[in-house]
Amino acid sequence: MDKESGYELAVNLLIKKLLLILIRNDTRGLLADQDRVERIRLKPVLDYVESNIDDRISVEDACRLANMSYYYFVKFFKKIMGLSFTEYVNMRKIKRAEQLLLTRDLSVTEVGDQIGMANMAHFYKMFKRFNGCSPKEFQRKMLAWGRR
């Protein structure tokens, strides 16, 4: 109550001791599950990617949504998601392309346009990187496999 000199340090030390005791005795993992908390921080960004998958998605827009600097965001995203933001966006776009190739009667060019990859060379390169084959080969293989 008297708030003698150094009381802030004493309180700070006691709070840290208390937190340490709580973390060490947290058998249910409620306090130590930092990954879940960090993923929640990226939820607005992941939702933005999904809702804008057919458009151009910029890292700068994602940084604003996450309320982080560019440099911090790209490091944070890679640490949490295991791949860069650009790789993640490309992966989601290719997954959308796969879905369109199998469910809609669209040409490969139309699919590329629809997912925001109008440059066909880039679209083919990304598709092959994620699937090991061209979009047309993928479509043929999957449709043939579905008829078995």
N, C-alpha and C. Protein backbone atom coordinates (compact mmCIF):
# COMPACT_ATOMS: atom_id res chain seq x y z
N MET A 1 0.81 -1.20 0.00
CA MET A 1 0.00 0.00 0.00
C MET A 1 0.86 1.27 0.00
N ASP A 2 2.05 1.18 0.62
CA ASP A 2 2.91 2.35 0.71
C ASP A 2 3.64 2.63 -0.59
N LYS A 3 3.69 1.63 -1.48
CA LYS A 3 4.38 1.76 -2.77
C LYS A 3 5.80 2.29 -2.60
N GLU A 4 6.57 1.51 -1.86
CA GLU A 4 7.96 1.88 -1.63
C GLU A 4 8.76 1.74 -2.91
N SER A 5 9.93 2.27 -2.92
CA SER A 5 10.82 2.22 -4.07
C SER A 5 11.03 0.78 -4.54
N GLY A 6 10.83 0.57 -5.83
CA GLY A 6 11.04 -0.76 -6.41
C GLY A 6 9.84 -1.68 -6.35
N TYR A 7 8.68 -1.16 -5.89
CA TYR A 7 7.51 -2.03 -5.78
C TYR A 7 7.07 -2.57 -7.14
N GLU A 8 7.26 -1.77 -8.23
CA GLU A 8 6.87 -2.24 -9.56
C GLU A 8 7.66 -3.47 -9.95
N LEU A 9 8.95 -3.47 -9.64
CA LEU A 9 9.79 -4.64 -9.92
C LEU A 9 9.32 -5.86 -9.15
N ALA A 10 8.97 -5.65 -7.89
CA ALA A 10 8.52 -6.77 -7.05
C ALA A 10 7.21 -7.35 -7.60
N VAL A 11 6.28 -6.49 -7.98
CA VAL A 11 5.01 -6.94 -8.54
C VAL A 11 5.25 -7.67 -9.86
N ASN A 12 6.09 -7.09 -10.71
CA ASN A 12 6.42 -7.68 -12.00
C ASN A 12 7.01 -9.08 -11.81
N LEU A 13 7.93 -9.22 -10.86
CA LEU A 13 8.57 -10.50 -10.58
C LEU A 13 7.54 -11.53 -10.11
N LEU A 14 6.64 -11.11 -9.23
CA LEU A 14 5.62 -12.03 -8.72
C LEU A 14 4.65 -12.46 -9.82
N ILE A 15 4.30 -11.54 -10.71
CA ILE A 15 3.41 -11.89 -11.84
C ILE A 15 4.09 -12.91 -12.74
N LYS A 16 5.38 -12.71 -13.03
CA LYS A 16 6.12 -13.66 -13.87
C LYS A 16 6.23 -15.02 -13.20
N LYS A 17 6.44 -15.05 -11.89
CA LYS A 17 6.50 -16.33 -11.16
C LYS A 17 5.16 -17.05 -11.26
N LEU A 18 4.07 -16.28 -11.09
CA LEU A 18 2.73 -16.85 -11.18
C LEU A 18 2.47 -17.42 -12.57
N LEU A 19 2.85 -16.68 -13.62
CA LEU A 19 2.68 -17.17 -14.99
C LEU A 19 3.48 -18.43 -15.24
N LEU A 20 4.70 -18.47 -14.73
CA LEU A 20 5.54 -19.65 -14.88
C LEU A 20 4.90 -20.87 -14.23
N ILE A 21 4.36 -20.69 -13.04
CA ILE A 21 3.67 -21.79 -12.34
C ILE A 21 2.46 -22.26 -13.15
N LEU A 22 1.69 -21.30 -13.66
CA LEU A 22 0.51 -21.65 -14.46
C LEU A 22 0.90 -22.43 -15.72
N ILE A 23 1.91 -21.97 -16.44
CA ILE A 23 2.34 -22.64 -17.67
C ILE A 23 2.87 -24.04 -17.38
N ARG A 24 3.67 -24.18 -16.34
CA ARG A 24 4.24 -25.50 -16.00
C ARG A 24 3.18 -26.49 -15.57
N ASN A 25 2.09 -26.02 -15.01
CA ASN A 25 1.02 -26.91 -14.54
C ASN A 25 -0.18 -26.95 -15.47
N ASP A 26 -0.03 -26.44 -16.66
CA ASP A 26 -1.11 -26.41 -17.65
C ASP A 26 -1.17 -27.74 -18.39
N THR A 27 -1.77 -28.74 -17.78
CA THR A 27 -1.82 -30.08 -18.37
C THR A 27 -2.73 -30.16 -19.59
N ARG A 28 -3.67 -29.25 -19.72
CA ARG A 28 -4.58 -29.26 -20.87
C ARG A 28 -4.05 -28.43 -22.03
N GLY A 29 -2.93 -27.77 -21.87
CA GLY A 29 -2.33 -27.00 -22.95
C GLY A 29 -3.08 -25.74 -23.32
N LEU A 30 -3.83 -25.20 -22.40
CA LEU A 30 -4.63 -24.01 -22.69
C LEU A 30 -3.77 -22.76 -22.85
N LEU A 31 -2.69 -22.68 -22.10
CA LEU A 31 -1.86 -21.48 -22.14
C LEU A 31 -0.73 -21.57 -23.16
N ALA A 32 -0.29 -22.77 -23.46
CA ALA A 32 0.89 -22.94 -24.31
C ALA A 32 0.57 -23.09 -25.79
N ASP A 33 -0.69 -23.17 -26.15
CA ASP A 33 -1.06 -23.37 -27.55
C ASP A 33 -0.98 -22.07 -28.33
N GLN A 34 0.23 -21.57 -28.48
CA GLN A 34 0.46 -20.29 -29.14
C GLN A 34 0.15 -20.35 -30.64
N ASP A 35 0.38 -21.52 -31.28
CA ASP A 35 0.11 -21.66 -32.72
C ASP A 35 -1.34 -21.33 -33.05
N ARG A 36 -2.26 -21.83 -32.22
CA ARG A 36 -3.68 -21.59 -32.46
C ARG A 36 -3.99 -20.09 -32.38
N VAL A 37 -3.41 -19.43 -31.38
CA VAL A 37 -3.63 -18.00 -31.20
C VAL A 37 -3.06 -17.24 -32.40
N GLU A 38 -1.88 -17.64 -32.87
CA GLU A 38 -1.25 -16.96 -34.00
C GLU A 38 -2.03 -17.21 -35.29
N ARG A 39 -2.57 -18.40 -35.45
CA ARG A 39 -3.38 -18.69 -36.65
C ARG A 39 -4.65 -17.84 -36.65
N ILE A 40 -5.22 -17.63 -35.47
CA ILE A 40 -6.42 -16.79 -35.36
C ILE A 40 -6.10 -15.38 -35.83
N ARG A 41 -4.89 -14.93 -35.55
CA ARG A 41 -4.47 -13.60 -35.98
C ARG A 41 -4.45 -13.49 -37.51
N LEU A 42 -4.23 -14.62 -38.20
CA LEU A 42 -4.19 -14.62 -39.67
C LEU A 42 -5.57 -14.88 -40.29
N LYS A 43 -6.58 -15.17 -39.49
CA LYS A 43 -7.89 -15.52 -40.03
C LYS A 43 -8.45 -14.46 -40.98
N PRO A 44 -8.39 -13.15 -40.65
CA PRO A 44 -8.91 -12.17 -41.62
C PRO A 44 -8.18 -12.23 -42.96
N VAL A 45 -6.89 -12.52 -42.93
CA VAL A 45 -6.10 -12.62 -44.16
C VAL A 45 -6.52 -13.85 -44.96
N LEU A 46 -6.67 -14.99 -44.28
CA LEU A 46 -7.06 -16.23 -44.96
C LEU A 46 -8.47 -16.10 -45.53
N ASP A 47 -9.36 -15.45 -44.79
CA ASP A 47 -10.72 -15.21 -45.30
C ASP A 47 -10.69 -14.30 -46.53
N TYR A 48 -9.84 -13.28 -46.47
CA TYR A 48 -9.68 -12.35 -47.60
C TYR A 48 -9.21 -13.10 -48.85
N VAL A 49 -8.24 -14.00 -48.67
CA VAL A 49 -7.72 -14.78 -49.81
C VAL A 49 -8.86 -15.61 -50.40
N GLU A 50 -9.61 -16.30 -49.56
CA GLU A 50 -10.70 -17.15 -50.06
C GLU A 50 -11.77 -16.34 -50.78
N SER A 51 -12.13 -15.20 -50.23
CA SER A 51 -13.21 -14.42 -50.84
C SER A 51 -12.77 -13.65 -52.08
N ASN A 52 -11.46 -13.52 -52.28
CA ASN A 52 -10.95 -12.79 -53.45
C ASN A 52 -10.09 -13.67 -54.34
N ILE A 53 -10.28 -14.97 -54.27
CA ILE A 53 -9.42 -15.92 -54.97
C ILE A 53 -9.43 -15.71 -56.48
N ASP A 54 -10.49 -15.14 -57.01
CA ASP A 54 -10.59 -14.92 -58.45
C ASP A 54 -9.97 -13.58 -58.89
N ASP A 55 -9.46 -12.81 -57.94
CA ASP A 55 -8.89 -11.50 -58.24
C ASP A 55 -7.39 -11.49 -57.93
N ARG A 56 -6.77 -10.36 -58.21
CA ARG A 56 -5.38 -10.17 -57.85
C ARG A 56 -5.33 -9.91 -56.34
N ILE A 57 -4.49 -10.64 -55.65
CA ILE A 57 -4.38 -10.52 -54.19
C ILE A 57 -2.98 -10.01 -53.88
N SER A 58 -2.90 -8.88 -53.20
CA SER A 58 -1.59 -8.29 -52.93
C SER A 58 -1.16 -8.51 -51.48
N VAL A 59 0.13 -8.62 -51.29
CA VAL A 59 0.70 -8.77 -49.96
C VAL A 59 0.40 -7.51 -49.14
N GLU A 60 0.44 -6.36 -49.79
CA GLU A 60 0.18 -5.11 -49.09
C GLU A 60 -1.23 -5.08 -48.47
N ASP A 61 -2.22 -5.57 -49.22
CA ASP A 61 -3.58 -5.63 -48.67
C ASP A 61 -3.64 -6.58 -47.47
N ALA A 62 -2.95 -7.70 -47.59
CA ALA A 62 -2.91 -8.67 -46.49
C ALA A 62 -2.24 -8.06 -45.26
N CYS A 63 -1.16 -7.31 -45.47
CA CYS A 63 -0.46 -6.65 -44.36
C CYS A 63 -1.40 -5.70 -43.63
N ARG A 64 -2.18 -4.94 -44.38
CA ARG A 64 -3.13 -4.01 -43.77
C ARG A 64 -4.17 -4.76 -42.95
N LEU A 65 -4.69 -5.86 -43.50
CA LEU A 65 -5.69 -6.65 -42.78
C LEU A 65 -5.12 -7.23 -41.48
N ALA A 66 -3.87 -7.66 -41.53
CA ALA A 66 -3.24 -8.25 -40.35
C ALA A 66 -2.69 -7.18 -39.41
N ASN A 67 -2.72 -5.92 -39.87
CA ASN A 67 -2.18 -4.80 -39.10
C ASN A 67 -0.71 -5.03 -38.74
N MET A 68 0.07 -5.41 -39.77
CA MET A 68 1.49 -5.68 -39.60
C MET A 68 2.28 -4.99 -40.70
N SER A 69 3.54 -4.73 -40.42
CA SER A 69 4.42 -4.20 -41.46
C SER A 69 4.67 -5.31 -42.49
N TYR A 70 5.08 -4.91 -43.67
CA TYR A 70 5.35 -5.87 -44.74
C TYR A 70 6.37 -6.92 -44.27
N TYR A 71 7.50 -6.44 -43.75
CA TYR A 71 8.58 -7.33 -43.34
C TYR A 71 8.11 -8.31 -42.26
N TYR A 72 7.43 -7.81 -41.24
CA TYR A 72 6.96 -8.68 -40.16
C TYR A 72 5.92 -9.68 -40.68
N PHE A 73 5.00 -9.20 -41.53
CA PHE A 73 3.94 -10.07 -42.05
C PHE A 73 4.50 -11.26 -42.83
N VAL A 74 5.44 -11.00 -43.76
CA VAL A 74 5.94 -12.11 -44.59
C VAL A 74 6.67 -13.14 -43.73
N LYS A 75 7.40 -12.70 -42.72
CA LYS A 75 8.09 -13.64 -41.80
C LYS A 75 7.06 -14.40 -40.96
N PHE A 76 6.11 -13.66 -40.40
CA PHE A 76 5.08 -14.25 -39.54
C PHE A 76 4.26 -15.28 -40.31
N PHE A 77 3.81 -14.92 -41.52
CA PHE A 77 2.98 -15.82 -42.32
C PHE A 77 3.72 -17.11 -42.62
N LYS A 78 4.98 -17.00 -43.04
CA LYS A 78 5.77 -18.19 -43.37
C LYS A 78 5.97 -19.07 -42.14
N LYS A 79 6.22 -18.44 -41.00
CA LYS A 79 6.42 -19.20 -39.75
C LYS A 79 5.16 -19.98 -39.37
N ILE A 80 4.01 -19.33 -39.47
CA ILE A 80 2.75 -19.94 -39.04
C ILE A 80 2.21 -20.93 -40.07
N MET A 81 2.25 -20.57 -41.35
CA MET A 81 1.63 -21.39 -42.39
C MET A 81 2.58 -22.39 -43.05
N GLY A 82 3.88 -22.17 -42.90
CA GLY A 82 4.85 -23.09 -43.48
C GLY A 82 5.17 -22.82 -44.94
N LEU A 83 4.57 -21.80 -45.52
CA LEU A 83 4.90 -21.38 -46.87
C LEU A 83 4.66 -19.88 -46.98
N SER A 84 5.28 -19.27 -47.97
CA SER A 84 5.16 -17.82 -48.11
C SER A 84 3.73 -17.45 -48.48
N PHE A 85 3.39 -16.18 -48.28
CA PHE A 85 2.05 -15.71 -48.62
C PHE A 85 1.76 -15.93 -50.10
N THR A 86 2.72 -15.61 -50.96
CA THR A 86 2.54 -15.79 -52.41
C THR A 86 2.34 -17.26 -52.75
N GLU A 87 3.12 -18.15 -52.15
CA GLU A 87 2.95 -19.59 -52.38
C GLU A 87 1.56 -20.03 -51.93
N TYR A 88 1.13 -19.53 -50.78
CA TYR A 88 -0.20 -19.89 -50.26
C TYR A 88 -1.30 -19.44 -51.23
N VAL A 89 -1.21 -18.19 -51.69
CA VAL A 89 -2.21 -17.67 -52.63
C VAL A 89 -2.21 -18.50 -53.91
N ASN A 90 -1.03 -18.80 -54.44
CA ASN A 90 -0.95 -19.63 -55.66
C ASN A 90 -1.55 -21.01 -55.43
N MET A 91 -1.26 -21.60 -54.26
CA MET A 91 -1.81 -22.92 -53.96
C MET A 91 -3.34 -22.87 -53.93
N ARG A 92 -3.90 -21.85 -53.27
CA ARG A 92 -5.36 -21.73 -53.19
C ARG A 92 -5.96 -21.49 -54.58
N LYS A 93 -5.29 -20.70 -55.40
CA LYS A 93 -5.77 -20.45 -56.77
C LYS A 93 -5.77 -21.75 -57.58
N ILE A 94 -4.72 -22.54 -57.44
CA ILE A 94 -4.65 -23.80 -58.18
C ILE A 94 -5.71 -24.78 -57.68
N LYS A 95 -5.96 -24.80 -56.38
CA LYS A 95 -7.04 -25.65 -55.86
C LYS A 95 -8.39 -25.23 -56.45
N ARG A 96 -8.59 -23.93 -56.58
CA ARG A 96 -9.82 -23.42 -57.20
C ARG A 96 -9.87 -23.82 -58.67
N ALA A 97 -8.73 -23.75 -59.36
CA ALA A 97 -8.66 -24.15 -60.77
C ALA A 97 -9.01 -25.64 -60.92
N GLU A 98 -8.50 -26.47 -60.03
CA GLU A 98 -8.81 -27.91 -60.06
C GLU A 98 -10.33 -28.11 -59.95
N GLN A 99 -10.92 -27.40 -59.01
CA GLN A 99 -12.37 -27.49 -58.81
C GLN A 99 -13.12 -27.08 -60.08
N LEU A 100 -12.72 -25.98 -60.69
CA LEU A 100 -13.38 -25.51 -61.91
C LEU A 100 -13.19 -26.49 -63.06
N LEU A 101 -12.00 -27.05 -63.20
CA LEU A 101 -11.73 -28.00 -64.29
C LEU A 101 -12.61 -29.24 -64.18
N LEU A 102 -12.93 -29.62 -62.95
CA LEU A 102 -13.70 -30.85 -62.75
C LEU A 102 -15.21 -30.62 -62.66
N THR A 103 -15.64 -29.40 -62.39
CA THR A 103 -17.07 -29.18 -62.19
C THR A 103 -17.73 -28.28 -63.23
N ARG A 104 -16.95 -27.60 -64.02
CA ARG A 104 -17.51 -26.68 -65.01
C ARG A 104 -16.99 -27.03 -66.39
N ASP A 105 -17.77 -26.70 -67.38
CA ASP A 105 -17.37 -26.94 -68.76
C ASP A 105 -16.66 -25.69 -69.29
N LEU A 106 -15.43 -25.46 -68.80
CA LEU A 106 -14.63 -24.30 -69.19
C LEU A 106 -13.32 -24.75 -69.82
N SER A 107 -12.81 -23.96 -70.72
CA SER A 107 -11.50 -24.25 -71.30
C SER A 107 -10.44 -23.90 -70.25
N VAL A 108 -9.22 -24.37 -70.47
CA VAL A 108 -8.12 -24.08 -69.56
C VAL A 108 -7.88 -22.56 -69.50
N THR A 109 -7.99 -21.90 -70.64
CA THR A 109 -7.82 -20.45 -70.69
C THR A 109 -8.88 -19.75 -69.85
N GLU A 110 -10.12 -20.19 -69.96
CA GLU A 110 -11.21 -19.60 -69.17
C GLU A 110 -10.99 -19.83 -67.67
N VAL A 111 -10.49 -21.01 -67.31
CA VAL A 111 -10.21 -21.30 -65.90
C VAL A 111 -9.10 -20.37 -65.40
N GLY A 112 -8.05 -20.21 -66.19
CA GLY A 112 -6.96 -19.31 -65.82
C GLY A 112 -7.46 -17.89 -65.61
N ASP A 113 -8.30 -17.43 -66.53
CA ASP A 113 -8.89 -16.09 -66.40
C ASP A 113 -9.74 -15.98 -65.14
N GLN A 114 -10.51 -17.01 -64.88
CA GLN A 114 -11.45 -16.96 -63.76
C GLN A 114 -10.74 -16.93 -62.40
N ILE A 115 -9.56 -17.53 -62.30
CA ILE A 115 -8.83 -17.50 -61.02
C ILE A 115 -7.83 -16.36 -60.95
N GLY A 116 -7.88 -15.48 -61.92
CA GLY A 116 -7.00 -14.32 -61.89
C GLY A 116 -5.59 -14.57 -62.37
N MET A 117 -5.40 -15.64 -63.15
CA MET A 117 -4.09 -15.93 -63.75
C MET A 117 -4.25 -15.91 -65.27
N ALA A 118 -4.38 -14.73 -65.81
CA ALA A 118 -4.60 -14.60 -67.25
C ALA A 118 -3.36 -14.95 -68.06
N ASN A 119 -2.18 -14.87 -67.47
CA ASN A 119 -0.95 -15.25 -68.14
C ASN A 119 -0.87 -16.79 -68.14
N MET A 120 -1.14 -17.37 -69.30
CA MET A 120 -1.23 -18.83 -69.39
C MET A 120 0.09 -19.54 -69.05
N ALA A 121 1.22 -18.94 -69.40
CA ALA A 121 2.51 -19.56 -69.08
C ALA A 121 2.66 -19.66 -67.56
N HIS A 122 2.29 -18.61 -66.85
CA HIS A 122 2.37 -18.61 -65.39
C HIS A 122 1.38 -19.62 -64.80
N PHE A 123 0.17 -19.66 -65.35
CA PHE A 123 -0.85 -20.59 -64.88
C PHE A 123 -0.38 -22.04 -65.05
N TYR A 124 0.13 -22.37 -66.23
CA TYR A 124 0.62 -23.73 -66.48
C TYR A 124 1.77 -24.08 -65.54
N LYS A 125 2.68 -23.13 -65.36
CA LYS A 125 3.85 -23.36 -64.49
C LYS A 125 3.40 -23.66 -63.06
N MET A 126 2.48 -22.83 -62.54
CA MET A 126 1.98 -23.03 -61.17
C MET A 126 1.21 -24.35 -61.06
N PHE A 127 0.37 -24.62 -62.05
CA PHE A 127 -0.43 -25.84 -62.02
C PHE A 127 0.47 -27.07 -62.00
N LYS A 128 1.47 -27.06 -62.87
CA LYS A 128 2.40 -28.20 -62.95
C LYS A 128 3.19 -28.34 -61.65
N ARG A 129 3.55 -27.22 -61.05
CA ARG A 129 4.31 -27.26 -59.80
C ARG A 129 3.50 -27.94 -58.69
N PHE A 130 2.21 -27.68 -58.63
CA PHE A 130 1.38 -28.25 -57.57
C PHE A 130 0.83 -29.63 -57.89
N ASN A 131 0.71 -29.96 -59.19
CA ASN A 131 0.07 -31.22 -59.56
C ASN A 131 0.95 -32.17 -60.36
N GLY A 132 2.08 -31.69 -60.84
CA GLY A 132 2.96 -32.56 -61.62
C GLY A 132 2.48 -32.82 -63.04
N CYS A 133 1.46 -32.10 -63.47
CA CYS A 133 0.95 -32.25 -64.83
C CYS A 133 0.25 -30.97 -65.25
N SER A 134 -0.08 -30.89 -66.54
CA SER A 134 -0.78 -29.70 -67.04
C SER A 134 -2.24 -29.74 -66.61
N PRO A 135 -2.94 -28.63 -66.70
CA PRO A 135 -4.37 -28.62 -66.35
C PRO A 135 -5.19 -29.60 -67.18
N LYS A 136 -4.87 -29.67 -68.48
CA LYS A 136 -5.62 -30.58 -69.35
C LYS A 136 -5.38 -32.04 -68.96
N GLU A 137 -4.11 -32.38 -68.68
CA GLU A 137 -3.78 -33.75 -68.24
C GLU A 137 -4.50 -34.06 -66.93
N PHE A 138 -4.50 -33.12 -66.02
CA PHE A 138 -5.18 -33.29 -64.73
C PHE A 138 -6.66 -33.58 -64.95
N GLN A 139 -7.28 -32.78 -65.80
CA GLN A 139 -8.70 -32.95 -66.08
C GLN A 139 -8.97 -34.32 -66.68
N ARG A 140 -8.15 -34.71 -67.66
CA ARG A 140 -8.33 -36.02 -68.29
C ARG A 140 -8.17 -37.16 -67.29
N LYS A 141 -7.11 -37.11 -66.49
CA LYS A 141 -6.84 -38.17 -65.50
C LYS A 141 -7.98 -38.27 -64.48
N MET A 142 -8.41 -37.13 -63.97
CA MET A 142 -9.43 -37.14 -62.92
C MET A 142 -10.78 -37.61 -63.46
N LEU A 143 -11.12 -37.17 -64.67
CA LEU A 143 -12.39 -37.60 -65.24
C LEU A 143 -12.38 -39.09 -65.58
N ALA A 144 -11.22 -39.58 -66.07
CA ALA A 144 -11.08 -41.02 -66.36
C ALA A 144 -11.14 -41.82 -65.06
N TRP A 145 -10.51 -41.32 -64.01
CA TRP A 145 -10.50 -42.01 -62.73
C TRP A 145 -11.92 -42.06 -62.14
N GLY A 146 -12.70 -41.01 -62.37
CA GLY A 146 -14.06 -40.94 -61.85
C GLY A 146 -15.01 -41.90 -62.54
N ARG A 147 -14.68 -42.31 -63.76
CA ARG A 147 -15.55 -43.24 -64.51
C ARG A 147 -15.32 -44.69 -64.14
N ARG A 148 -14.29 -44.96 -63.39
CA ARG A 148 -13.99 -46.37 -63.02
C ARG A 148 -15.01 -46.94 -62.10
